[in-house]
Structure formats: structure tokens, C-alpha cells
C-alpha atoms as a PDB file:
ATOM      1  CA  MET A   1    -191.449-136.227 -47.956  1.00  0.00           C
ATOM      2  CA  LYS A   2    -189.408-134.770 -50.824  1.00  0.00           C
ATOM      3  CA  TYR A   3    -190.024-131.277 -49.466  1.00  0.00           C
ATOM      4  CA  LEU A   4    -188.675-132.278 -46.066  1.00  0.00           C
ATOM      5  CA  VAL A   5    -185.501-133.616 -47.680  1.00  0.00           C
ATOM      6  CA  LEU A   6    -185.017-130.375 -49.638  1.00  0.00           C
ATOM      7  CA  PHE A   7    -185.685-128.352 -46.495  1.00  0.00           C
ATOM      8  CA  GLY A   8    -183.145-130.371 -44.520  1.00  0.00           C
ATOM      9  CA  ALA A   9    -180.530-130.005 -47.245  1.00  0.00           C
ATOM     10  CA  GLY A  10    -181.098-126.254 -47.397  1.00  0.00           C
ATOM     11  CA  VAL A  11    -180.791-125.890 -43.636  1.00  0.00           C
ATOM     12  CA  ALA A  12    -177.644-128.029 -43.595  1.00  0.00           C
ATOM     13  CA  LEU A  13    -176.016-125.875 -46.283  1.00  0.00           C
ATOM     14  CA  ILE A  14    -176.916-122.662 -44.490  1.00  0.00           C
ATOM     15  CA  VAL A  15    -175.599-123.942 -41.139  1.00  0.00           C
ATOM     16  CA  LEU A  16    -172.418-125.208 -42.798  1.00  0.00           C
ATOM     17  CA  GLY A  17    -171.957-121.828 -44.436  1.00  0.00           C
ATOM     18  CA  VAL A  18    -172.435-119.977 -41.151  1.00  0.00           C
ATOM     19  CA  VAL A  19    -169.907-122.227 -39.422  1.00  0.00           C
ATOM     20  CA  PHE A  20    -167.330-121.844 -42.186  1.00  0.00           C
ATOM     21  CA  ALA A  21    -167.818-118.139 -42.880  1.00  0.00           C
ATOM     22  CA  LEU A  22    -168.507-116.698 -39.463  1.00  0.00           C
ATOM     23  CA  ILE A  23    -167.709-118.969 -36.520  1.00  0.00           C
ATOM     24  CA  LEU A  24    -164.439-120.662 -37.416  1.00  0.00           C
ATOM     25  CA  GLU A  25    -161.321-118.581 -37.891  1.00  0.00           C
ATOM     26  CA  LEU A  26    -160.372-120.074 -41.258  1.00  0.00           C
ATOM     27  CA  PRO A  27    -158.458-118.668 -44.235  1.00  0.00           C
ATOM     28  CA  VAL A  28    -160.300-116.619 -46.845  1.00  0.00           C
ATOM     29  CA  PRO A  29    -160.997-119.448 -49.365  1.00  0.00           C
ATOM     30  CA  PHE A  30    -162.889-121.378 -46.687  1.00  0.00           C
ATOM     31  CA  ARG A  31    -164.875-118.274 -45.800  1.00  0.00           C
ATOM     32  CA  ILE A  32    -165.764-117.807 -49.461  1.00  0.00           C
ATOM     33  CA  ALA A  33    -166.839-121.459 -49.593  1.00  0.00           C
ATOM     34  CA  GLY A  34    -169.010-120.810 -46.550  1.00  0.00           C
ATOM     35  CA  LEU A  35    -170.663-117.844 -48.239  1.00  0.00           C
ATOM     36  CA  VAL A  36    -171.290-119.931 -51.359  1.00  0.00           C
ATOM     37  CA  ALA A  37    -172.812-122.680 -49.197  1.00  0.00           C
ATOM     38  CA  MET A  38    -175.145-120.145 -47.578  1.00  0.00           C
ATOM     39  CA  ILE A  39    -176.219-118.846 -50.986  1.00  0.00           C
ATOM     40  CA  LEU A  40    -176.826-122.385 -52.292  1.00  0.00           C
ATOM     41  CA  GLY A  41    -178.823-123.234 -49.173  1.00  0.00           C
ATOM     42  CA  THR A  42    -180.967-120.155 -49.653  1.00  0.00           C
ATOM     43  CA  VAL A  43    -181.554-121.012 -53.324  1.00  0.00           C
ATOM     44  CA  LEU A  44    -182.465-124.571 -52.357  1.00  0.00           C
ATOM     45  CA  MET A  45    -184.996-123.272 -49.819  1.00  0.00           C
ATOM     46  CA  GLY A  46    -186.497-121.038 -52.529  1.00  0.00           C
ATOM     47  CA  VAL A  47    -186.765-123.986 -54.911  1.00  0.00           C
ATOM     48  CA  ASN A  48    -188.453-125.953 -52.140  1.00  0.00           C
ATOM     49  CA  VAL A  49    -191.055-123.223 -51.608  1.00  0.00           C
ATOM     50  CA  GLY A  50    -191.637-122.928 -55.364  1.00  0.00           C
ATOM     51  CA  LEU A  51    -192.129-126.671 -55.774  1.00  0.00           C
ATOM     52  CA  GLN A  52    -194.622-126.741 -52.910  1.00  0.00           C
ATOM     53  CA  PHE A  53    -196.538-123.813 -54.395  1.00  0.00           C
ATOM     54  CA  PHE A  54    -196.818-125.336 -57.864  1.00  0.00           C
ATOM     55  CA  ASP A  55    -197.607-128.790 -56.488  1.00  0.00           C
ATOM     56  CA  ARG A  56    -200.462-127.415 -54.387  1.00  0.00           C
ATOM     57  CA  ARG A  57    -201.675-125.354 -57.330  1.00  0.00           C
ATOM     58  CA  LYS A  58    -201.671-128.449 -59.546  1.00  0.00           C
ATOM     59  CA  ASP A  59    -203.613-130.392 -56.907  1.00  0.00           C
ATOM     60  CA  ARG A  60    -206.126-127.563 -56.567  1.00  0.00           C
ATOM     61  CA  ASP A  61    -206.637-127.409 -60.330  1.00  0.00           C
ATOM     62  CA  ARG A  62    -207.087-131.172 -60.448  1.00  0.00           C
ATOM     63  CA  ARG A  63    -209.830-131.010 -57.791  1.00  0.00           C
ATOM     64  CA  LEU A  64    -211.782-128.312 -59.610  1.00  0.00           C
END
């Protein structure tokens, strides 16, 4: 469940960043904020993948 929440937060940040940076015709500071949101969303997705990998690895080691 925690992975789904992290995934949803990452997707929301990326979509928010795309809307702010690319779709809306906003001033430059808002576009920069959109780019930062996209970067944070991407980092959050990477953290999500890393947590899943190490959690599965820990479970596998526990079973052996």
C-alpha cells in the first residue's frame, strides 16, 4: 500500500509539473516551479522503485 501512495504522489507531481511548465501559459517562475515538480516526481518514483527492490530482497533473504 505504501508503494501505491508513493507512486500516486510521484505521478501527481509529474502531471502538475507538465501542466505548469508546458500546458499553461504562465510566467517564468511558475514554469520553473513546474520543472522542479517534475524533477521531484521523478525522484520520488525512483525512491519508490528502490524501496520495492530492497523490500523484496529483504523478504527473499528472510525466506532462504
